[in-house]
Amino acid sequence: MSQCAAIIAAAGSGERFGATLPKALITLGNRTLIEHAVAALAPIASEIVICAPAGYEKQIQELVGADITVVTGGTTRSDSVRAGIAALTGKNKYVLVHDAARALASTQLAKNVLAALEKGEVAIIPGLELIDTVKSVDAGGHVTSTPDRASLRRVQTPQGFDLEILKKAHSSGANATDDGALVEAIGHKVLIINGEDRALKITTPADLATALSTLGDSSEFRTGVGVDAHAFEEGRELWLAGLHWPNEVGVAGHSDGDVAAHAICDALFAAGQLGDLGSNFGTDKPEYAGASGVTLLKETMQKISSAGYSISNVTVQIIGNRPKLTSRRSEAIATLSAALGGANVSVLATTTDGMGLTGEGRGIAAIASALLIKQG
């Protein structure tokens, strides 16, 4: 093993992604982004420190194993890297600094960075040439100049440094969007080597789609549909989309009767060819009597994960005259998404214009669809 440590900045919130979990915990193929990042660096790094979002340290530790150090990241990227530096043993001469959001950066790219360090360079950054013409603009959006793109690069990670120099660069407490800028600021030369297209930064759902396509034909997509309906029953509380609805009449059922959660479970089971709601949580399984919809969703998530699937997205349409979903839609989406490991979830509602079980006000129903990804 080389004299190389690694720090993975993984404290990003994922707000631009629209997820309810931190970006590092979003799934890509059959792994989270942080697991992909660790897998790329593990073959060459003798120690790895992950800078995790506050409150998610334990969850990330369970994902990556006890051999990897997990610390709480900071409010900025530079703060996170400083926390990572402080957690290093100091036994290694070199350090790679990587972003969990660049989950598909290859082990070979990391090896190329390390090789340049071992040849005597003190700071290495992978980068790509620009394809588009670049314009510099003023505050009003007017062009002030057209830089020569031949001299410009789009920088990536992992970036490599002499550890003592990186420590000195961060000692001022300054912030920068990449560590190379801090090393430049203290007077050291930074070498750019060829990066790779697959090391894109995953920031938006569109980036995730690009990353999925980069994984290639090894990804298998499966779709499923689920339906559930329950009649209202006086004396029971109403649970719907993982939420309690006070002052509403509940529904009959073996569990809590959450039709939205149950329909999603069925859609996921169908997509993964893992049976259905009845075969997994039916009346012949007394341990699920009265179980909440959230509990069943979490159990379903475990089953599909064990089968090698990750969730691309889930949509559920609730059908009924009541309750009115509009004021709690965001809450429902957040609750369902959290139960499914941060998956993308859409929640809709409609009525049947007075027809049938739901239209006549005798019950409530839901239809769900799910898209799963299985990594070959």
Protein backbone atom coordinates (compact mmCIF):
# COMPACT_ATOMS: atom_id res chain seq x y z
CA MET A 1 0.00 0.00 0.00
CA SER A 2 1.30 3.47 -0.89
CA GLN A 3 1.97 6.31 1.54
CA CYS A 4 -1.37 7.85 0.68
CA ALA A 5 -4.36 8.91 2.76
CA ALA A 6 -7.71 10.07 1.39
CA ILE A 7 -10.34 12.55 2.53
CA ILE A 8 -13.83 12.40 1.05
CA ALA A 9 -15.95 15.55 1.39
CA ALA A 10 -19.51 14.27 1.76
CA ALA A 11 -21.32 16.87 3.87
CA GLY A 12 -23.34 18.41 1.02
CA SER A 13 -27.06 18.82 1.71
CA GLY A 14 -28.35 17.81 -1.71
CA GLU A 15 -30.82 20.73 -1.81
CA ARG A 16 -30.29 21.30 -5.54
CA PHE A 17 -30.94 17.62 -6.05
CA GLY A 18 -34.32 17.85 -4.34
CA ALA A 19 -33.64 14.83 -2.11
CA THR A 20 -34.62 14.56 1.54
CA LEU A 21 -31.34 12.85 2.45
CA PRO A 22 -27.82 14.23 2.01
CA LYS A 23 -26.42 13.88 -1.49
CA ALA A 24 -23.82 11.30 -0.41
CA LEU A 25 -26.64 8.90 0.48
CA ILE A 26 -28.41 9.10 -2.88
CA THR A 27 -28.26 5.79 -4.72
CA LEU A 28 -26.56 5.36 -8.07
CA GLY A 29 -27.00 1.88 -9.44
CA ASN A 30 -26.88 -0.43 -6.43
CA ARG A 31 -24.65 1.80 -4.28
CA THR A 32 -24.85 5.18 -2.62
CA LEU A 33 -22.60 7.95 -3.92
CA ILE A 34 -20.37 7.66 -0.86
CA GLU A 35 -19.93 3.91 -1.41
CA HIS A 36 -18.89 4.52 -5.02
CA ALA A 37 -16.35 7.14 -3.89
CA VAL A 38 -14.87 4.85 -1.24
CA ALA A 39 -14.61 1.95 -3.70
CA ALA A 40 -12.53 4.09 -6.07
CA LEU A 41 -10.00 5.14 -3.43
CA ALA A 42 -9.78 2.04 -1.24
CA PRO A 43 -7.31 0.17 -3.49
CA ILE A 44 -4.62 2.85 -3.10
CA ALA A 45 -5.32 4.67 0.19
CA SER A 46 -4.01 3.25 3.45
CA GLU A 47 -6.52 5.35 5.41
CA ILE A 48 -9.75 7.07 4.41
CA VAL A 49 -11.59 9.79 6.31
CA ILE A 50 -15.15 10.72 5.35
CA CYS A 51 -16.50 14.16 6.28
CA ALA A 52 -20.19 13.41 6.81
CA PRO A 53 -23.26 15.61 7.22
CA ALA A 54 -24.10 16.28 10.86
CA GLY A 55 -26.56 13.67 12.11
CA TYR A 56 -25.68 11.09 9.46
CA GLU A 57 -22.31 9.93 10.78
CA LYS A 58 -23.64 6.62 12.11
CA GLN A 59 -25.57 5.82 8.94
CA ILE A 60 -22.52 6.44 6.76
CA GLN A 61 -20.26 4.48 9.14
CA GLU A 62 -22.58 1.47 8.81
CA LEU A 63 -22.40 1.74 5.01
CA VAL A 64 -18.63 1.94 4.69
CA GLY A 65 -17.47 -0.26 7.56
CA ALA A 66 -15.37 0.14 10.67
CA ASP A 67 -12.02 0.43 8.85
CA ILE A 68 -12.93 3.90 7.59
CA THR A 69 -13.00 6.98 9.81
CA VAL A 70 -16.15 9.11 9.71
CA VAL A 71 -16.12 12.65 11.14
CA THR A 72 -18.63 15.48 11.10
CA GLY A 73 -18.14 17.80 8.15
CA GLY A 74 -18.33 21.57 8.27
CA THR A 75 -20.68 24.19 6.88
CA THR A 76 -18.37 24.78 3.90
CA ARG A 77 -16.33 22.38 1.80
CA SER A 78 -13.08 23.82 3.14
CA ASP A 79 -14.29 23.41 6.73
CA SER A 80 -15.04 19.76 5.96
CA VAL A 81 -11.59 19.15 4.48
CA ARG A 82 -9.98 20.75 7.53
CA ALA A 83 -11.98 18.38 9.75
CA GLY A 84 -10.72 15.52 7.60
CA ILE A 85 -7.10 16.65 7.86
CA ALA A 86 -7.42 16.83 11.65
CA ALA A 87 -8.63 13.22 11.73
CA LEU A 88 -5.72 11.79 9.73
CA THR A 89 -3.08 9.76 11.54
CA GLY A 90 -0.27 11.76 9.94
CA LYS A 91 1.53 8.58 8.89
CA ASN A 92 1.15 9.24 5.16
CA LYS A 93 3.18 11.60 2.98
CA TYR A 94 0.40 12.22 0.46
CA VAL A 95 -3.33 12.84 0.63
CA LEU A 96 -6.07 12.67 -1.98
CA VAL A 97 -9.06 14.97 -1.49
CA HIS A 98 -12.19 13.74 -3.22
CA ASP A 99 -15.84 14.80 -3.50
CA ALA A 100 -18.49 12.15 -2.88
CA ALA A 101 -20.52 13.90 -5.58
CA ARG A 102 -17.92 12.75 -8.15
CA ALA A 103 -18.88 9.18 -7.39
CA LEU A 104 -17.82 7.65 -10.71
CA ALA A 105 -14.24 8.91 -10.74
CA SER A 106 -12.16 5.80 -11.38
CA THR A 107 -9.43 4.14 -9.36
CA GLN A 108 -7.16 4.67 -12.37
CA LEU A 109 -7.67 8.44 -12.16
CA ALA A 110 -6.70 8.35 -8.48
CA LYS A 111 -3.62 6.27 -9.38
CA ASN A 112 -2.63 8.84 -12.01
CA VAL A 113 -2.85 11.63 -9.44
CA LEU A 114 -0.79 9.66 -6.94
CA ALA A 115 1.82 8.76 -9.57
CA ALA A 116 2.41 12.46 -10.29
CA LEU A 117 2.89 13.13 -6.58
CA GLU A 118 5.39 10.31 -6.31
CA LYS A 119 7.38 11.91 -9.15
CA GLY A 120 7.89 15.06 -7.07
CA GLU A 121 4.88 17.30 -7.74
CA VAL A 122 3.26 18.74 -4.60
CA ALA A 123 -0.23 19.45 -5.91
CA ILE A 124 -2.10 17.62 -8.68
CA ILE A 125 -5.54 18.33 -10.10
CA PRO A 126 -7.33 16.34 -12.81
CA GLY A 127 -9.05 18.53 -15.38
CA LEU A 128 -10.79 18.53 -18.74
CA GLU A 129 -10.46 20.91 -21.67
CA LEU A 130 -13.42 23.19 -22.34
CA ILE A 131 -15.58 22.44 -25.35
CA ASP A 132 -17.81 25.52 -25.19
CA THR A 133 -16.70 29.09 -25.70
CA VAL A 134 -16.49 30.95 -22.38
CA LYS A 135 -17.56 34.54 -21.74
CA SER A 136 -16.78 36.82 -18.83
CA VAL A 137 -19.74 39.05 -17.93
CA ASP A 138 -20.44 41.98 -15.65
CA ALA A 139 -23.18 42.25 -13.01
CA GLY A 140 -25.67 43.23 -15.68
CA GLY A 141 -24.92 40.20 -17.83
CA HIS A 142 -22.99 42.07 -20.51
CA VAL A 143 -19.89 40.40 -21.94
CA THR A 144 -16.63 41.96 -20.79
CA SER A 145 -14.20 39.53 -22.44
CA THR A 146 -13.83 36.18 -24.19
CA PRO A 147 -11.07 34.16 -22.52
CA ASP A 148 -9.03 31.78 -24.65
CA ARG A 149 -10.56 28.42 -23.77
CA ALA A 150 -7.34 26.63 -24.77
CA SER A 151 -5.79 27.81 -21.51
CA LEU A 152 -8.80 26.89 -19.34
CA ARG A 153 -9.68 23.61 -17.64
CA ARG A 154 -12.70 22.20 -15.81
CA VAL A 155 -11.20 20.78 -12.63
CA GLN A 156 -12.26 17.56 -10.96
CA THR A 157 -11.40 15.35 -8.00
CA PRO A 158 -9.64 13.45 -6.54
CA GLN A 159 -6.97 16.11 -6.13
CA GLY A 160 -3.61 15.08 -4.67
CA PHE A 161 -1.25 16.95 -2.36
CA ASP A 162 1.81 16.68 -0.21
CA LEU A 163 0.07 16.42 3.16
CA GLU A 164 2.20 19.02 4.97
CA ILE A 165 1.64 21.55 2.19
CA LEU A 166 -2.12 20.97 2.26
CA LYS A 167 -2.12 21.46 6.03
CA LYS A 168 -0.32 24.78 5.60
CA ALA A 169 -2.72 25.85 2.85
CA HIS A 170 -5.69 25.24 5.13
CA SER A 171 -4.12 26.78 8.24
CA SER A 172 -5.45 30.25 7.39
CA GLY A 173 -9.04 29.06 7.63
CA ALA A 174 -9.82 30.44 4.17
CA ASN A 175 -12.56 28.96 1.99
CA ALA A 176 -12.28 27.91 -1.65
CA THR A 177 -14.25 25.75 -4.05
CA ASP A 178 -11.26 23.44 -4.46
CA ASP A 179 -8.14 22.74 -2.44
CA GLY A 180 -5.83 23.54 -5.33
CA ALA A 181 -6.80 27.21 -5.04
CA LEU A 182 -5.64 27.30 -1.42
CA VAL A 183 -2.31 25.71 -2.34
CA GLU A 184 -1.89 28.25 -5.16
CA ALA A 185 -2.54 31.04 -2.65
CA ILE A 186 0.50 30.08 -0.56
CA GLY A 187 2.79 30.11 -3.60
CA HIS A 188 3.03 26.51 -4.76
CA LYS A 189 2.63 25.34 -8.34
CA VAL A 190 -0.32 23.09 -9.10
CA LEU A 191 -0.10 20.62 -11.97
CA ILE A 192 -3.18 19.69 -13.98
CA ILE A 193 -3.31 16.21 -15.49
CA ASN A 194 -5.95 14.72 -17.77
CA GLY A 195 -9.24 14.08 -16.04
CA GLU A 196 -12.06 11.85 -17.23
CA ASP A 197 -15.61 12.41 -18.40
CA ARG A 198 -17.01 9.89 -15.92
CA ALA A 199 -15.80 12.01 -12.98
CA LEU A 200 -18.71 14.42 -13.44
CA LYS A 201 -20.14 16.15 -10.38
CA ILE A 202 -23.60 14.81 -9.54
CA THR A 203 -25.60 17.82 -8.36
CA THR A 204 -29.01 17.56 -10.06
CA PRO A 205 -31.37 14.76 -11.18
CA ALA A 206 -30.12 15.35 -14.74
CA ASP A 207 -26.56 14.68 -13.55
CA LEU A 208 -27.74 11.45 -11.95
CA ALA A 209 -29.33 10.36 -15.23
CA THR A 210 -26.04 11.05 -17.01
CA ALA A 211 -24.16 9.08 -14.37
CA LEU A 212 -26.57 6.17 -14.75
CA SER A 213 -25.96 6.13 -18.49
CA THR A 214 -22.23 6.14 -17.78
CA LEU A 215 -22.64 2.93 -15.82
CA GLY A 216 -23.65 1.40 -19.14
CA ASP A 217 -25.54 -1.73 -20.03
CA SER A 218 -24.81 -3.33 -16.67
CA SER A 219 -27.82 -1.45 -15.27
CA GLU A 220 -31.15 -3.22 -15.63
CA PHE A 221 -34.38 -1.24 -15.22
CA ARG A 222 -37.57 -2.79 -13.81
CA THR A 223 -41.02 -1.20 -13.47
CA GLY A 224 -43.91 -2.20 -11.25
CA VAL A 225 -47.47 -1.08 -10.46
CA GLY A 226 -49.32 -1.45 -7.16
CA VAL A 227 -52.94 -0.82 -6.14
CA ASP A 228 -54.57 -0.74 -2.71
CA ALA A 229 -58.03 0.19 -1.39
CA HIS A 230 -59.69 0.16 2.04
CA ALA A 231 -63.19 0.94 3.28
CA PHE A 232 -63.66 3.51 6.02
CA GLU A 233 -64.31 2.12 9.50
CA GLU A 234 -65.54 4.19 12.44
CA GLY A 235 -63.36 4.10 15.52
CA ARG A 236 -60.04 3.78 13.68
CA GLU A 237 -57.44 6.48 13.12
CA LEU A 238 -56.58 7.45 9.56
CA TRP A 239 -53.00 6.99 8.36
CA LEU A 240 -52.22 8.00 4.81
CA ALA A 241 -48.88 8.54 3.02
CA GLY A 242 -47.09 7.91 6.30
CA LEU A 243 -48.98 10.71 8.05
CA HIS A 244 -51.60 10.71 10.81
CA TRP A 245 -54.78 12.61 9.89
CA PRO A 246 -56.59 13.75 13.06
CA ASN A 247 -60.38 14.11 12.98
CA GLU A 248 -60.64 11.82 9.96
CA VAL A 249 -62.28 8.39 9.95
CA GLY A 250 -59.78 5.55 9.59
CA VAL A 251 -60.00 2.47 7.39
CA ALA A 252 -60.33 -1.25 8.01
CA GLY A 253 -57.19 -3.31 7.62
CA HIS A 254 -54.69 -5.81 9.03
CA SER A 255 -52.11 -3.07 9.51
CA ASP A 256 -52.76 0.67 9.72
CA GLY A 257 -54.50 0.67 6.32
CA ASP A 258 -52.22 3.28 4.73
CA VAL A 259 -53.27 2.79 1.10
CA ALA A 260 -50.52 5.02 -0.31
CA ALA A 261 -47.76 3.16 1.51
CA HIS A 262 -49.29 -0.21 0.66
CA ALA A 263 -49.61 0.61 -3.04
CA ILE A 264 -45.97 1.71 -3.12
CA CYS A 265 -44.88 -1.53 -1.43
CA ASP A 266 -46.80 -3.55 -4.02
CA ALA A 267 -45.28 -1.55 -6.89
CA LEU A 268 -41.78 -2.15 -5.53
CA PHE A 269 -42.40 -5.86 -4.99
CA ALA A 270 -43.82 -6.14 -8.51
CA ALA A 271 -40.82 -4.41 -10.07
CA GLY A 272 -38.41 -6.65 -8.20
CA GLN A 273 -40.44 -9.84 -8.73
CA LEU A 274 -40.50 -10.29 -4.95
CA GLY A 275 -44.13 -11.29 -4.44
CA ASP A 276 -46.75 -8.82 -3.29
CA LEU A 277 -48.02 -7.10 -0.15
CA GLY A 278 -50.01 -10.14 0.94
CA SER A 279 -47.19 -12.65 0.57
CA ASN A 280 -44.75 -10.40 2.42
CA PHE A 281 -46.91 -8.76 5.10
CA GLY A 282 -50.27 -10.59 4.96
CA THR A 283 -52.71 -11.71 7.64
CA ASP A 284 -50.77 -14.95 8.06
CA LYS A 285 -47.93 -12.88 9.54
CA PRO A 286 -49.22 -11.66 12.93
CA GLU A 287 -46.06 -9.65 13.56
CA TYR A 288 -47.35 -7.09 11.05
CA ALA A 289 -50.77 -6.65 12.66
CA GLY A 290 -51.23 -2.91 13.16
CA ALA A 291 -47.87 -2.12 11.52
CA SER A 292 -47.48 1.39 10.17
CA GLY A 293 -47.14 2.11 6.48
CA VAL A 294 -43.71 3.60 7.14
CA THR A 295 -42.59 0.37 8.82
CA LEU A 296 -43.74 -1.66 5.82
CA LEU A 297 -41.98 0.71 3.42
CA LYS A 298 -38.72 0.38 5.34
CA GLU A 299 -39.04 -3.41 5.35
CA THR A 300 -39.78 -3.35 1.63
CA MET A 301 -36.73 -1.17 1.02
CA GLN A 302 -34.56 -3.70 2.85
CA LYS A 303 -35.96 -6.56 0.77
CA ILE A 304 -35.36 -4.87 -2.58
CA SER A 305 -31.90 -3.69 -1.52
CA SER A 306 -31.00 -7.24 -0.51
CA ALA A 307 -32.10 -8.36 -3.97
CA GLY A 308 -29.64 -5.90 -5.55
CA TYR A 309 -32.08 -3.14 -6.52
CA SER A 310 -32.08 0.60 -5.92
CA ILE A 311 -35.00 2.94 -6.46
CA SER A 312 -34.95 5.41 -9.33
CA ASN A 313 -38.33 6.94 -8.52
CA VAL A 314 -41.78 6.20 -7.11
CA THR A 315 -45.12 7.86 -7.90
CA VAL A 316 -48.34 7.34 -5.94
CA GLN A 317 -51.80 8.66 -6.85
CA ILE A 318 -54.25 8.81 -3.93
CA ILE A 319 -57.92 8.46 -4.90
CA GLY A 320 -60.63 9.73 -2.56
CA ASN A 321 -62.86 12.59 -1.50
CA ARG A 322 -60.99 13.05 1.76
CA PRO A 323 -58.66 13.92 3.34
CA LYS A 324 -57.51 16.92 1.32
CA LEU A 325 -53.85 16.36 0.49
CA THR A 326 -52.79 19.79 -0.77
CA SER A 327 -51.69 21.33 2.52
CA ARG A 328 -49.63 18.28 3.52
CA ARG A 329 -48.25 17.13 0.17
CA SER A 330 -44.67 18.21 0.94
CA GLU A 331 -44.82 16.50 4.32
CA ALA A 332 -46.10 13.31 2.71
CA ILE A 333 -43.33 13.34 0.10
CA ALA A 334 -40.66 13.86 2.75
CA THR A 335 -42.02 11.07 4.96
CA LEU A 336 -42.32 8.53 2.15
CA SER A 337 -38.92 9.44 0.71
CA ALA A 338 -37.21 9.07 4.09
CA ALA A 339 -38.78 5.63 4.56
CA LEU A 340 -37.37 4.64 1.16
CA GLY A 341 -33.81 5.77 1.80
CA GLY A 342 -34.10 9.20 0.17
CA ALA A 343 -35.68 7.98 -3.07
CA ASN A 344 -37.40 10.41 -5.43
CA VAL A 345 -41.11 10.29 -4.61
CA SER A 346 -44.09 12.05 -6.21
CA VAL A 347 -47.49 12.19 -4.49
CA LEU A 348 -50.69 13.11 -6.37
CA ALA A 349 -54.38 13.06 -5.50
CA THR A 350 -57.63 12.84 -7.43
CA THR A 351 -61.31 11.88 -7.09
CA THR A 352 -63.65 9.72 -9.17
CA ASP A 353 -66.47 12.28 -9.54
CA GLY A 354 -68.86 10.48 -7.23
CA MET A 355 -68.38 7.01 -8.69
CA GLY A 356 -67.59 3.82 -6.80
CA LEU A 357 -66.05 3.14 -3.39
CA THR A 358 -64.05 6.35 -3.23
CA GLY A 359 -66.47 8.62 -5.08
CA GLU A 360 -69.35 7.63 -2.80
CA GLY A 361 -67.20 8.36 0.24
CA ARG A 362 -67.08 4.75 1.44
CA GLY A 363 -63.31 4.37 1.28
CA ILE A 364 -59.99 5.44 -0.15
CA ALA A 365 -57.60 3.94 -2.73
CA ALA A 366 -54.16 4.47 -4.24
CA ILE A 367 -52.25 3.48 -7.36
CA ALA A 368 -48.44 3.52 -7.39
CA SER A 369 -45.68 2.96 -9.92
CA ALA A 370 -42.01 2.28 -9.24
CA LEU A 371 -38.83 2.19 -11.31
CA LEU A 372 -36.01 0.04 -9.95
CA ILE A 373 -32.42 -0.25 -11.11
CA LYS A 374 -30.45 -3.46 -10.77
CA GLN A 375 -26.73 -3.37 -11.26
CA GLY A 376 -25.45 -6.37 -13.15
